Amino acid sequence: MPRTFRLVACAALWASSLSGQSSTGSGDSLYGAWCARCHGADARGVPAASVRTEVPPADLAACAVSSAEPVDLWVDIVTQGGAEFGLSLDMPAYGEAGTAEQIRMVVRYVRSLCRERGWPPGELNFPRGFLTEKAYPENEVVVSAEGRGQELIYERRLGRRLQIEAAVSTVFDSLDRPFDHATAAIKYNVWHSLERRAIASVGLEASPPLGRRDRWELEPFLAVAFERPDFIVQGEALAGWEESEGLAGGSLRLGVGREAGRFVPMVEAGWDWARGAPAILTLYPQTWIQLSRLGHVAGSVGIGIPVNGPDRGQVTLTAFLLWDFGDGPLFKGW
């Protein structure tokens, strides 16, 4: 996000030019008057020779930059300025220099600079649940814990739709082998629609015979999500395949949440079954929390409640901490 936003409002330094613009000017003409001195006439991040800034201007024509965040966040940062979001002071508040419609016109123009189709828009990057795999391709580091188990996850986006992932899991219990298993995964966004506020991805997780696992395990999955005015729904279906055993089980996961400022209360349900055993239902009430002003560091706290099965009623604590390194350095944006 700092790459995207640090200087998207740097034209506020030239706010005097605004007075000469028509309130109904087009987005490209307003961009030329307000932003081109910092970002260049072609928006490639090459400023005018006379311009000196604290950080290099962003390449706003890059699809990875222009598509990654929702329009409303662009508008907020341009309107309120960089300091309000823990960003560079080179980004003054622009709300008093231009009208709300002018700011939205410039933001829409910047978003239109991505000429390559197929990039999921940032509006479909919904808050992460504890249990359900996100459908949106991400750049994140996540540390999660449930009861005595922990997991460290690294997610890397490649291009428009692809994401790769590596994870290491540990369990600190009565056994003398805390390393549980390692997993590699790939995820691909097969469909998204901004108009319908919906997205769907498919993927595959693979765990080799390491740690406490003595055979290869594969888990193909489908992840979906959609948003309505009052709630967000995220779901996942996956199957488990084990070496020499074949289909060994599966899971259905569903989460519903509602945004409330920097908090997103949500409830997830997981139905897990293994071959030859009854299905087990577990509920996960939780709250997602935006920790940094920029929104690139977030966390979650909650509990897991088995509804049936041998652990029925045995509540476990759940939590995670994530850093979206695609949005900015860990210690920026606070």
C-alpha atoms as a PDB file:
ATOM      1  CA  MET A   1       0.000   0.000   0.000  1.00  0.00           C
ATOM      2  CA  PRO A   2       2.803   2.502   0.658  1.00  0.00           C
ATOM      3  CA  ARG A   3       4.006   1.786  -2.898  1.00  0.00           C
ATOM      4  CA  THR A   4       0.498   2.467  -4.060  1.00  0.00           C
ATOM      5  CA  PHE A   5      -0.536   5.384  -1.912  1.00  0.00           C
ATOM      6  CA  ARG A   6       2.432   7.283  -0.484  1.00  0.00           C
ATOM      7  CA  LEU A   7       2.418   9.769  -3.294  1.00  0.00           C
ATOM      8  CA  VAL A   8      -0.926   9.262  -4.964  1.00  0.00           C
ATOM      9  CA  ALA A   9      -1.975  12.539  -3.338  1.00  0.00           C
ATOM     10  CA  CYS A  10       1.335  14.325  -3.771  1.00  0.00           C
ATOM     11  CA  ALA A  11      -0.417  16.644  -6.178  1.00  0.00           C
ATOM     12  CA  ALA A  12      -1.775  18.390  -3.110  1.00  0.00           C
ATOM     13  CA  LEU A  13       1.594  20.097  -3.091  1.00  0.00           C
ATOM     14  CA  TRP A  14       0.386  21.766  -6.270  1.00  0.00           C
ATOM     15  CA  ALA A  15      -3.113  22.479  -4.991  1.00  0.00           C
ATOM     16  CA  SER A  16      -3.027  25.985  -6.393  1.00  0.00           C
ATOM     17  CA  SER A  17      -3.557  24.469  -9.815  1.00  0.00           C
ATOM     18  CA  LEU A  18      -6.907  23.153  -8.648  1.00  0.00           C
ATOM     19  CA  SER A  19      -8.471  26.582  -8.659  1.00  0.00           C
ATOM     20  CA  GLY A  20      -8.013  26.742 -12.402  1.00  0.00           C
ATOM     21  CA  GLN A  21      -9.774  23.439 -13.036  1.00  0.00           C
ATOM     22  CA  SER A  22     -13.438  23.003 -13.802  1.00  0.00           C
ATOM     23  CA  SER A  23     -15.378  21.078 -11.170  1.00  0.00           C
ATOM     24  CA  THR A  24     -16.516  18.840 -13.988  1.00  0.00           C
ATOM     25  CA  GLY A  25     -13.062  18.231 -15.490  1.00  0.00           C
ATOM     26  CA  SER A  26     -12.260  14.734 -16.675  1.00  0.00           C
ATOM     27  CA  GLY A  27     -10.194  12.337 -14.581  1.00  0.00           C
ATOM     28  CA  ASP A  28      -7.228  12.414 -16.952  1.00  0.00           C
ATOM     29  CA  SER A  29      -7.115  16.220 -17.092  1.00  0.00           C
ATOM     30  CA  LEU A  30      -7.334  16.466 -13.314  1.00  0.00           C
ATOM     31  CA  TYR A  31      -4.572  13.869 -13.037  1.00  0.00           C
ATOM     32  CA  GLY A  32      -2.426  15.944 -15.382  1.00  0.00           C
ATOM     33  CA  ALA A  33      -2.973  19.060 -13.276  1.00  0.00           C
ATOM     34  CA  TRP A  34      -2.573  17.502  -9.842  1.00  0.00           C
ATOM     35  CA  CYS A  35      -0.495  14.338 -10.084  1.00  0.00           C
ATOM     36  CA  ALA A  36       1.651  14.299 -13.211  1.00  0.00           C
ATOM     37  CA  ARG A  37       4.471  16.350 -11.656  1.00  0.00           C
ATOM     38  CA  CYS A  38       5.110  13.558  -9.125  1.00  0.00           C
ATOM     39  CA  HIS A  39       4.009  10.415 -10.949  1.00  0.00           C
ATOM     40  CA  GLY A  40       4.799  11.472 -14.498  1.00  0.00           C
ATOM     41  CA  ALA A  41       2.499  12.150 -17.406  1.00  0.00           C
ATOM     42  CA  ASP A  42       2.321   8.410 -18.107  1.00  0.00           C
ATOM     43  CA  ALA A  43       1.895   7.562 -14.370  1.00  0.00           C
ATOM     44  CA  ARG A  44       5.001   5.366 -14.420  1.00  0.00           C
ATOM     45  CA  GLY A  45       6.460   7.010 -11.311  1.00  0.00           C
ATOM     46  CA  VAL A  46       9.041   9.291 -12.965  1.00  0.00           C
ATOM     47  CA  PRO A  47       8.591  12.798 -11.484  1.00  0.00           C
ATOM     48  CA  ALA A  48       9.428  16.109 -13.062  1.00  0.00           C
ATOM     49  CA  ALA A  49      13.088  17.098 -12.739  1.00  0.00           C
ATOM     50  CA  SER A  50      12.214  19.875 -10.275  1.00  0.00           C
ATOM     51  CA  VAL A  51      10.319  17.565  -7.898  1.00  0.00           C
ATOM     52  CA  ARG A  52      12.004  16.167  -4.769  1.00  0.00           C
ATOM     53  CA  THR A  53      10.116  13.732  -2.555  1.00  0.00           C
ATOM     54  CA  GLU A  54      10.917  11.677   0.531  1.00  0.00           C
ATOM     55  CA  VAL A  55      10.103   8.384  -1.216  1.00  0.00           C
ATOM     56  CA  PRO A  56      10.018   7.421  -4.911  1.00  0.00           C
ATOM     57  CA  PRO A  57       6.630   7.974  -6.553  1.00  0.00           C
ATOM     58  CA  ALA A  58       4.542   4.871  -7.219  1.00  0.00           C
ATOM     59  CA  ASP A  59       4.112   3.392 -10.681  1.00  0.00           C
ATOM     60  CA  LEU A  60       0.355   3.913 -10.871  1.00  0.00           C
ATOM     61  CA  ALA A  61       0.111   2.291 -14.290  1.00  0.00           C
ATOM     62  CA  ALA A  62       1.178  -1.082 -12.855  1.00  0.00           C
ATOM     63  CA  CYS A  63      -1.819  -3.392 -12.474  1.00  0.00           C
ATOM     64  CA  ALA A  64      -0.490  -4.826  -9.215  1.00  0.00           C
ATOM     65  CA  VAL A  65      -0.587  -1.300  -7.773  1.00  0.00           C
ATOM     66  CA  SER A  66      -3.809   0.065  -9.209  1.00  0.00           C
ATOM     67  CA  SER A  67      -5.976  -3.025  -8.606  1.00  0.00           C
ATOM     68  CA  ALA A  68      -4.857  -4.182  -5.169  1.00  0.00           C
ATOM     69  CA  GLU A  69      -6.865  -1.817  -2.955  1.00  0.00           C
ATOM     70  CA  PRO A  70     -10.549  -0.804  -2.938  1.00  0.00           C
ATOM     71  CA  VAL A  71     -11.537   2.542  -4.395  1.00  0.00           C
ATOM     72  CA  ASP A  72     -12.842   3.789  -1.047  1.00  0.00           C
ATOM     73  CA  LEU A  73      -9.426   3.343   0.565  1.00  0.00           C
ATOM     74  CA  TRP A  74      -7.745   5.296  -2.232  1.00  0.00           C
ATOM     75  CA  VAL A  75     -10.302   8.054  -1.748  1.00  0.00           C
ATOM     76  CA  ASP A  76      -9.847   8.126   2.035  1.00  0.00           C
ATOM     77  CA  ILE A  77      -6.076   8.426   1.827  1.00  0.00           C
ATOM     78  CA  VAL A  78      -6.179  11.121  -0.853  1.00  0.00           C
ATOM     79  CA  THR A  79      -8.837  13.003   1.127  1.00  0.00           C
ATOM     80  CA  GLN A  80      -7.330  12.705   4.619  1.00  0.00           C
ATOM     81  CA  GLY A  81      -3.629  12.630   3.759  1.00  0.00           C
ATOM     82  CA  GLY A  82      -0.774  10.268   4.443  1.00  0.00           C
ATOM     83  CA  ALA A  83      -0.279  11.119   8.116  1.00  0.00           C
ATOM     84  CA  GLU A  84      -3.786   9.917   8.947  1.00  0.00           C
ATOM     85  CA  PHE A  85      -2.791   6.413   7.803  1.00  0.00           C
ATOM     86  CA  GLY A  86       0.782   6.384   9.103  1.00  0.00           C
ATOM     87  CA  LEU A  87       2.210   7.160   5.658  1.00  0.00           C
ATOM     88  CA  SER A  88       4.532   9.819   4.290  1.00  0.00           C
ATOM     89  CA  LEU A  89       3.991  13.490   5.090  1.00  0.00           C
ATOM     90  CA  ASP A  90       4.488  14.113   1.363  1.00  0.00           C
ATOM     91  CA  MET A  91       0.791  13.246   1.165  1.00  0.00           C
ATOM     92  CA  PRO A  92      -1.143  16.247   2.516  1.00  0.00           C
ATOM     93  CA  ALA A  93      -4.869  16.019   3.120  1.00  0.00           C
ATOM     94  CA  TYR A  94      -6.534  16.844  -0.184  1.00  0.00           C
ATOM     95  CA  GLY A  95     -10.139  17.001   0.973  1.00  0.00           C
ATOM     96  CA  GLU A  96     -10.266  20.762   1.318  1.00  0.00           C
ATOM     97  CA  ALA A  97      -8.472  21.415  -1.989  1.00  0.00           C
ATOM     98  CA  GLY A  98     -10.777  19.392  -4.244  1.00  0.00           C
ATOM     99  CA  THR A  99     -14.366  18.282  -4.201  1.00  0.00           C
ATOM    100  CA  ALA A 100     -15.355  14.739  -3.321  1.00  0.00           C
ATOM    101  CA  GLU A 101     -16.363  14.114  -6.919  1.00  0.00           C
ATOM    102  CA  GLN A 102     -13.052  15.415  -8.269  1.00  0.00           C
ATOM    103  CA  ILE A 103     -11.111  13.122  -5.948  1.00  0.00           C
ATOM    104  CA  ARG A 104     -13.194  10.138  -7.022  1.00  0.00           C
ATOM    105  CA  MET A 105     -12.671  11.045 -10.671  1.00  0.00           C
ATOM    106  CA  VAL A 106      -8.893  11.038 -10.219  1.00  0.00           C
ATOM    107  CA  VAL A 107      -9.008   7.738  -8.317  1.00  0.00           C
ATOM    108  CA  ARG A 108     -11.188   6.160 -11.001  1.00  0.00           C
ATOM    109  CA  TYR A 109      -8.756   7.345 -13.649  1.00  0.00           C
ATOM    110  CA  VAL A 110      -5.791   5.842 -11.782  1.00  0.00           C
ATOM    111  CA  ARG A 111      -7.658   2.542 -11.403  1.00  0.00           C
ATOM    112  CA  SER A 112      -8.351   2.543 -15.145  1.00  0.00           C
ATOM    113  CA  LEU A 113      -4.627   2.632 -15.963  1.00  0.00           C
ATOM    114  CA  CYS A 114      -4.461  -1.149 -15.591  1.00  0.00           C
ATOM    115  CA  ARG A 115      -5.062  -2.312 -19.156  1.00  0.00           C
ATOM    116  CA  GLU A 116      -4.586  -6.014 -18.427  1.00  0.00           C
ATOM    117  CA  ARG A 117      -7.788  -7.888 -17.687  1.00  0.00           C
ATOM    118  CA  GLY A 118      -8.130 -10.505 -15.007  1.00  0.00           C
ATOM    119  CA  TRP A 119      -6.799  -8.755 -11.879  1.00  0.00           C
ATOM    120  CA  PRO A 120      -9.253  -9.254  -8.977  1.00  0.00           C
ATOM    121  CA  PRO A 121     -10.110  -5.826  -7.539  1.00  0.00           C
ATOM    122  CA  GLY A 122      -9.259  -4.985  -3.940  1.00  0.00           C
ATOM    123  CA  GLU A 123     -12.960  -4.736  -3.078  1.00  0.00           C
ATOM    124  CA  LEU A 124     -13.008  -8.569  -3.097  1.00  0.00           C
ATOM    125  CA  ASN A 125     -10.198  -8.913  -0.559  1.00  0.00           C
ATOM    126  CA  PHE A 126     -12.398  -9.673   2.432  1.00  0.00           C
ATOM    127  CA  PRO A 127     -11.147  -9.978   6.051  1.00  0.00           C
ATOM    128  CA  ARG A 128      -9.517 -13.333   6.724  1.00  0.00           C
ATOM    129  CA  GLY A 129     -11.300 -15.903   8.853  1.00  0.00           C
ATOM    130  CA  PHE A 130      -9.519 -18.320  11.165  1.00  0.00           C
ATOM    131  CA  LEU A 131     -10.699 -21.507   9.473  1.00  0.00           C
ATOM    132  CA  THR A 132     -11.694 -20.775   5.870  1.00  0.00           C
ATOM    133  CA  GLU A 133      -9.131 -20.337   3.078  1.00  0.00           C
ATOM    134  CA  LYS A 134      -9.456 -16.934   1.383  1.00  0.00           C
ATOM    135  CA  ALA A 135     -10.410 -16.880  -2.283  1.00  0.00           C
ATOM    136  CA  TYR A 136      -8.387 -13.711  -2.952  1.00  0.00           C
ATOM    137  CA  PRO A 137      -4.694 -14.197  -3.903  1.00  0.00           C
ATOM    138  CA  GLU A 138      -2.517 -12.584  -1.236  1.00  0.00           C
ATOM    139  CA  ASN A 139       0.955 -11.512  -0.115  1.00  0.00           C
ATOM    140  CA  GLU A 140       0.860 -12.340   3.586  1.00  0.00           C
ATOM    141  CA  VAL A 141       2.696 -13.803   6.535  1.00  0.00           C
ATOM    142  CA  VAL A 142       0.339 -15.354   9.105  1.00  0.00           C
ATOM    143  CA  VAL A 143       1.035 -16.837  12.539  1.00  0.00           C
ATOM    144  CA  SER A 144      -1.943 -18.752  13.914  1.00  0.00           C
ATOM    145  CA  ALA A 145      -2.680 -20.870  16.976  1.00  0.00           C
ATOM    146  CA  GLU A 146      -5.474 -23.175  18.098  1.00  0.00           C
ATOM    147  CA  GLY A 147      -5.128 -24.793  21.493  1.00  0.00           C
ATOM    148  CA  ARG A 148      -1.648 -26.357  21.612  1.00  0.00           C
ATOM    149  CA  GLY A 149      -1.105 -26.181  17.848  1.00  0.00           C
ATOM    150  CA  GLN A 150       0.625 -23.399  15.935  1.00  0.00           C
ATOM    151  CA  GLU A 151       1.160 -22.652  12.249  1.00  0.00           C
ATOM    152  CA  LEU A 152       3.407 -20.266  10.355  1.00  0.00           C
ATOM    153  CA  ILE A 153       2.156 -19.470   6.831  1.00  0.00           C
ATOM    154  CA  TYR A 154       3.833 -17.619   3.968  1.00  0.00           C
ATOM    155  CA  GLU A 155       1.678 -16.623   0.985  1.00  0.00           C
ATOM    156  CA  ARG A 156       3.048 -15.093  -2.217  1.00  0.00           C
ATOM    157  CA  ARG A 157       1.020 -13.756  -5.132  1.00  0.00           C
ATOM    158  CA  LEU A 158       2.314 -14.397  -8.659  1.00  0.00           C
ATOM    159  CA  GLY A 159       0.768 -12.211 -11.340  1.00  0.00           C
ATOM    160  CA  ARG A 160      -2.938 -11.683 -11.731  1.00  0.00           C
ATOM    161  CA  ARG A 161      -4.550 -14.791 -10.258  1.00  0.00           C
ATOM    162  CA  LEU A 162      -1.972 -17.211  -8.872  1.00  0.00           C
ATOM    163  CA  GLN A 163      -0.763 -17.657  -5.287  1.00  0.00           C
ATOM    164  CA  ILE A 164       1.766 -20.060  -3.787  1.00  0.00           C
ATOM    165  CA  GLU A 165       1.979 -20.916  -0.099  1.00  0.00           C
ATOM    166  CA  ALA A 166       4.274 -22.652   2.368  1.00  0.00           C
ATOM    167  CA  ALA A 167       3.360 -23.546   5.955  1.00  0.00           C
ATOM    168  CA  VAL A 168       4.950 -25.230   8.959  1.00  0.00           C
ATOM    169  CA  SER A 169       2.858 -26.605  11.831  1.00  0.00           C
ATOM    170  CA  THR A 170       3.870 -27.478  15.394  1.00  0.00           C
ATOM    171  CA  VAL A 171       2.067 -29.047  18.345  1.00  0.00           C
ATOM    172  CA  PHE A 172       3.270 -28.724  21.926  1.00  0.00           C
ATOM    173  CA  ASP A 173       1.652 -31.590  23.790  1.00  0.00           C
ATOM    174  CA  SER A 174       2.841 -34.641  25.703  1.00  0.00           C
ATOM    175  CA  LEU A 175       4.785 -36.040  22.734  1.00  0.00           C
ATOM    176  CA  ASP A 176       8.473 -35.275  22.243  1.00  0.00           C
ATOM    177  CA  ARG A 177       8.086 -34.308  18.564  1.00  0.00           C
ATOM    178  CA  PRO A 178       6.699 -30.746  18.387  1.00  0.00           C
ATOM    179  CA  PHE A 179       7.150 -30.542  14.597  1.00  0.00           C
ATOM    180  CA  ASP A 180       3.850 -31.779  13.206  1.00  0.00           C
ATOM    181  CA  HIS A 181       4.007 -31.309   9.420  1.00  0.00           C
ATOM    182  CA  ALA A 182       4.856 -28.989   6.515  1.00  0.00           C
ATOM    183  CA  THR A 183       2.556 -28.013   3.672  1.00  0.00           C
ATOM    184  CA  ALA A 184       2.960 -26.445   0.238  1.00  0.00           C
ATOM    185  CA  ALA A 185      -0.033 -25.105  -1.673  1.00  0.00           C
ATOM    186  CA  ILE A 186      -1.055 -23.396  -4.872  1.00  0.00           C
ATOM    187  CA  LYS A 187      -4.220 -21.363  -5.423  1.00  0.00           C
ATOM    188  CA  TYR A 188      -5.711 -19.914  -8.610  1.00  0.00           C
ATOM    189  CA  ASN A 189      -8.535 -17.396  -8.936  1.00  0.00           C
ATOM    190  CA  VAL A 190     -10.879 -18.886 -11.541  1.00  0.00           C
ATOM    191  CA  TRP A 191     -13.634 -16.235 -11.412  1.00  0.00           C
ATOM    192  CA  HIS A 192     -14.478 -12.901  -9.877  1.00  0.00           C
ATOM    193  CA  SER A 193     -17.096 -10.202 -10.389  1.00  0.00           C
ATOM    194  CA  LEU A 194     -16.946  -6.719  -8.919  1.00  0.00           C
ATOM    195  CA  GLU A 195     -20.574  -6.110  -9.848  1.00  0.00           C
ATOM    196  CA  ARG A 196     -21.683  -9.206  -7.915  1.00  0.00           C
ATOM    197  CA  ARG A 197     -19.070  -8.689  -5.188  1.00  0.00           C
ATOM    198  CA  ALA A 198     -18.068 -12.338  -5.494  1.00  0.00           C
ATOM    199  CA  ILE A 199     -14.912 -14.379  -6.080  1.00  0.00           C
ATOM    200  CA  ALA A 200     -13.998 -18.079  -6.450  1.00  0.00           C
ATOM    201  CA  SER A 201     -10.636 -19.885  -6.451  1.00  0.00           C
ATOM    202  CA  VAL A 202      -9.398 -23.472  -6.619  1.00  0.00           C
ATOM    203  CA  GLY A 203      -6.233 -24.888  -5.101  1.00  0.00           C
ATOM    204  CA  LEU A 204      -4.237 -27.859  -3.930  1.00  0.00           C
ATOM    205  CA  GLU A 205      -2.365 -28.450  -0.655  1.00  0.00           C
ATOM    206  CA  ALA A 206       0.332 -31.117  -0.382  1.00  0.00           C
ATOM    207  CA  SER A 207       1.984 -32.422   2.798  1.00  0.00           C
ATOM    208  CA  PRO A 208       5.000 -34.770   2.506  1.00  0.00           C
ATOM    209  CA  PRO A 209       5.806 -37.517   5.037  1.00  0.00           C
ATOM    210  CA  LEU A 210       7.581 -35.269   7.541  1.00  0.00           C
ATOM    211  CA  GLY A 211       7.186 -34.761  11.269  1.00  0.00           C
ATOM    212  CA  ARG A 212       4.251 -36.714  12.618  1.00  0.00           C
ATOM    213  CA  ARG A 213       2.966 -37.623   9.159  1.00  0.00           C
ATOM    214  CA  ASP A 214       4.201 -40.868   7.652  1.00  0.00           C
ATOM    215  CA  ARG A 215       2.687 -40.566   4.159  1.00  0.00           C
ATOM    216  CA  TRP A 216       1.876 -38.032   1.475  1.00  0.00           C
ATOM    217  CA  GLU A 217      -1.396 -36.167   1.897  1.00  0.00           C
ATOM    218  CA  LEU A 218      -3.157 -34.078  -0.759  1.00  0.00           C
ATOM    219  CA  GLU A 219      -6.109 -31.720  -0.287  1.00  0.00           C
ATOM    220  CA  PRO A 220      -7.764 -30.152  -3.344  1.00  0.00           C
ATOM    221  CA  PHE A 221     -10.097 -27.300  -2.379  1.00  0.00           C
ATOM    222  CA  LEU A 222     -12.568 -24.722  -3.637  1.00  0.00           C
ATOM    223  CA  ALA A 223     -12.800 -21.333  -1.897  1.00  0.00           C
ATOM    224  CA  VAL A 224     -15.602 -18.826  -2.526  1.00  0.00           C
ATOM    225  CA  ALA A 225     -16.689 -15.510  -1.033  1.00  0.00           C
ATOM    226  CA  PHE A 226     -19.295 -12.842  -1.615  1.00  0.00           C
ATOM    227  CA  GLU A 227     -20.443  -9.631   0.017  1.00  0.00           C
ATOM    228  CA  ARG A 228     -23.883  -8.178   0.616  1.00  0.00           C
ATOM    229  CA  PRO A 229     -24.688  -4.782   2.158  1.00  0.00           C
ATOM    230  CA  ASP A 230     -24.898  -6.159   5.703  1.00  0.00           C
ATOM    231  CA  PHE A 231     -22.619  -9.206   5.740  1.00  0.00           C
ATOM    232  CA  ILE A 232     -19.744 -11.149   4.162  1.00  0.00           C
ATOM    233  CA  VAL A 233     -19.853 -14.884   3.447  1.00  0.00           C
ATOM    234  CA  GLN A 234     -16.752 -17.029   2.881  1.00  0.00           C
ATOM    235  CA  GLY A 235     -16.776 -20.769   2.240  1.00  0.00           C
ATOM    236  CA  GLU A 236     -14.459 -23.645   1.437  1.00  0.00           C
ATOM    237  CA  ALA A 237     -14.875 -27.287   0.435  1.00  0.00           C
ATOM    238  CA  LEU A 238     -11.926 -29.662   0.488  1.00  0.00           C
ATOM    239  CA  ALA A 239     -11.201 -33.370   0.168  1.00  0.00           C
ATOM    240  CA  GLY A 240      -8.405 -35.348   1.818  1.00  0.00           C
ATOM    241  CA  TRP A 241      -6.370 -37.959  -0.071  1.00  0.00           C
ATOM    242  CA  GLU A 242      -3.674 -40.102   1.579  1.00  0.00           C
ATOM    243  CA  GLU A 243      -0.940 -42.151  -0.058  1.00  0.00           C
ATOM    244  CA  SER A 244      -1.902 -45.856  -0.257  1.00  0.00           C
ATOM    245  CA  GLU A 245      -5.293 -45.101   1.337  1.00  0.00           C
ATOM    246  CA  GLY A 246      -7.004 -42.948  -1.278  1.00  0.00           C
ATOM    247  CA  LEU A 247      -9.875 -40.669  -0.262  1.00  0.00           C
ATOM    248  CA  ALA A 248      -9.608 -40.328   3.489  1.00  0.00           C
ATOM    249  CA  GLY A 249     -12.072 -37.568   4.382  1.00  0.00           C
ATOM    250  CA  GLY A 250     -13.081 -33.995   3.731  1.00  0.00           C
ATOM    251  CA  SER A 251     -14.334 -30.727   5.146  1.00  0.00           C
ATOM    252  CA  LEU A 252     -16.949 -28.071   4.528  1.00  0.00           C
ATOM    253  CA  ARG A 253     -16.287 -24.646   6.033  1.00  0.00           C
ATOM    254  CA  LEU A 254     -18.546 -21.605   6.121  1.00  0.00           C
ATOM    255  CA  GLY A 255     -18.076 -18.210   7.718  1.00  0.00           C
ATOM    256  CA  VAL A 256     -20.329 -15.151   8.049  1.00  0.00           C
ATOM    257  CA  GLY A 257     -19.104 -11.755   9.240  1.00  0.00           C
ATOM    258  CA  ARG A 258     -20.165  -8.136   9.463  1.00  0.00           C
ATOM    259  CA  GLU A 259     -17.815  -5.163   9.235  1.00  0.00           C
ATOM    260  CA  ALA A 260     -17.984  -2.692  12.135  1.00  0.00           C
ATOM    261  CA  GLY A 261     -15.227  -0.156  11.572  1.00  0.00           C
ATOM    262  CA  ARG A 262     -11.882  -1.728  12.469  1.00  0.00           C
ATOM    263  CA  PHE A 263     -13.594  -4.857  13.818  1.00  0.00           C
ATOM    264  CA  VAL A 264     -15.292  -7.718  11.976  1.00  0.00           C
ATOM    265  CA  PRO A 265     -17.219 -10.100  14.259  1.00  0.00           C
ATOM    266  CA  MET A 266     -17.763 -13.415  12.506  1.00  0.00           C
ATOM    267  CA  VAL A 267     -18.773 -17.015  13.086  1.00  0.00           C
ATOM    268  CA  GLU A 268     -17.335 -19.965  11.159  1.00  0.00           C
ATOM    269  CA  ALA A 269     -18.535 -23.563  11.122  1.00  0.00           C
ATOM    270  CA  GLY A 270     -16.433 -26.537  10.114  1.00  0.00           C
ATOM    271  CA  TRP A 271     -17.835 -29.971   9.233  1.00  0.00           C
ATOM    272  CA  ASP A 272     -14.996 -32.514   9.189  1.00  0.00           C
ATOM    273  CA  TRP A 273     -15.304 -36.196   8.443  1.00  0.00           C
ATOM    274  CA  ALA A 274     -12.896 -39.099   8.095  1.00  0.00           C
ATOM    275  CA  ARG A 275     -13.525 -42.433   6.434  1.00  0.00           C
ATOM    276  CA  GLY A 276     -15.301 -44.792   8.801  1.00  0.00           C
ATOM    277  CA  ALA A 277     -16.075 -42.105  11.399  1.00  0.00           C
ATOM    278  CA  PRO A 278     -19.028 -39.755  11.967  1.00  0.00           C
ATOM    279  CA  ALA A 279     -18.775 -36.110  10.902  1.00  0.00           C
ATOM    280  CA  ILE A 280     -17.785 -33.573  13.546  1.00  0.00           C
ATOM    281  CA  LEU A 281     -19.168 -30.036  13.655  1.00  0.00           C
ATOM    282  CA  THR A 282     -17.114 -27.264  15.274  1.00  0.00           C
ATOM    283  CA  LEU A 283     -18.130 -23.614  15.674  1.00  0.00           C
ATOM    284  CA  TYR A 284     -15.621 -20.759  15.690  1.00  0.00           C
ATOM    285  CA  PRO A 285     -16.965 -17.425  16.995  1.00  0.00           C
ATOM    286  CA  GLN A 286     -14.233 -14.809  16.559  1.00  0.00           C
ATOM    287  CA  THR A 287     -13.408 -11.161  15.917  1.00  0.00           C
ATOM    288  CA  TRP A 288     -11.072  -9.893  13.190  1.00  0.00           C
ATOM    289  CA  ILE A 289      -9.249  -6.705  14.252  1.00  0.00           C
ATOM    290  CA  GLN A 290      -7.449  -4.124  12.107  1.00  0.00           C
ATOM    291  CA  LEU A 291      -4.344  -3.273  14.118  1.00  0.00           C
ATOM    292  CA  SER A 292      -2.474  -0.749  11.936  1.00  0.00           C
ATOM    293  CA  ARG A 293      -4.017   2.429  10.590  1.00  0.00           C
ATOM    294  CA  LEU A 294      -2.932   1.330   7.136  1.00  0.00           C
ATOM    295  CA  GLY A 295      -4.749  -1.980   7.566  1.00  0.00           C
ATOM    296  CA  HIS A 296      -1.787  -4.147   6.555  1.00  0.00           C
ATOM    297  CA  VAL A 297      -1.429  -5.693  10.036  1.00  0.00           C
ATOM    298  CA  ALA A 298      -4.451  -7.424  11.526  1.00  0.00           C
ATOM    299  CA  GLY A 299      -5.303 -10.107  14.036  1.00  0.00           C
ATOM    300  CA  SER A 300      -8.094 -12.318  15.264  1.00  0.00           C
ATOM    301  CA  VAL A 301      -9.149 -13.804  18.595  1.00  0.00           C
ATOM    302  CA  GLY A 302     -11.841 -16.390  19.185  1.00  0.00           C
ATOM    303  CA  ILE A 303     -12.663 -19.890  20.374  1.00  0.00           C
ATOM    304  CA  GLY A 304     -13.380 -23.300  18.868  1.00  0.00           C
ATOM    305  CA  ILE A 305     -16.397 -25.192  20.209  1.00  0.00           C
ATOM    306  CA  PRO A 306     -16.934 -28.834  19.127  1.00  0.00           C
ATOM    307  CA  VAL A 307     -20.657 -29.476  18.897  1.00  0.00           C
ATOM    308  CA  ASN A 308     -20.343 -33.292  18.799  1.00  0.00           C
ATOM    309  CA  GLY A 309     -17.684 -35.989  18.794  1.00  0.00           C
ATOM    310  CA  PRO A 310     -15.232 -37.095  21.501  1.00  0.00           C
ATOM    311  CA  ASP A 311     -14.157 -33.499  22.302  1.00  0.00           C
ATOM    312  CA  ARG A 312     -17.685 -32.122  22.556  1.00  0.00           C
ATOM    313  CA  GLY A 313     -17.800 -29.034  24.756  1.00  0.00           C
ATOM    314  CA  GLN A 314     -14.015 -28.731  25.121  1.00  0.00           C
ATOM    315  CA  VAL A 315     -13.395 -25.103  24.183  1.00  0.00           C
ATOM    316  CA  THR A 316     -10.042 -24.120  22.643  1.00  0.00           C
ATOM    317  CA  LEU A 317      -8.641 -20.635  22.124  1.00  0.00           C
ATOM    318  CA  THR A 318      -7.927 -19.480  18.559  1.00  0.00           C
ATOM    319  CA  ALA A 319      -5.895 -16.519  17.326  1.00  0.00           C
ATOM    320  CA  PHE A 320      -3.831 -15.278  14.427  1.00  0.00           C
ATOM    321  CA  LEU A 321      -1.656 -12.320  13.536  1.00  0.00           C
ATOM    322  CA  LEU A 322      -1.100 -11.390   9.887  1.00  0.00           C
ATOM    323  CA  TRP A 323       1.098  -8.977   7.988  1.00  0.00           C
ATOM    324  CA  ASP A 324       0.165  -8.120   4.409  1.00  0.00           C
ATOM    325  CA  PHE A 325       3.679  -7.386   3.173  1.00  0.00           C
ATOM    326  CA  GLY A 326       2.323  -6.504  -0.256  1.00  0.00           C
ATOM    327  CA  ASP A 327       0.768  -3.402   1.296  1.00  0.00           C
ATOM    328  CA  GLY A 328       3.849  -2.137   3.087  1.00  0.00           C
ATOM    329  CA  PRO A 329       6.723  -2.698   5.544  1.00  0.00           C
ATOM    330  CA  LEU A 330       5.767  -4.125   8.915  1.00  0.00           C
ATOM    331  CA  PHE A 331       6.654  -1.004  10.898  1.00  0.00           C
ATOM    332  CA  LYS A 332       5.095   1.530   8.519  1.00  0.00           C
ATOM    333  CA  GLY A 333       1.486   2.616   8.515  1.00  0.00           C
ATOM    334  CA  TRP A 334       0.929   2.724  12.272  1.00  0.00           C
END
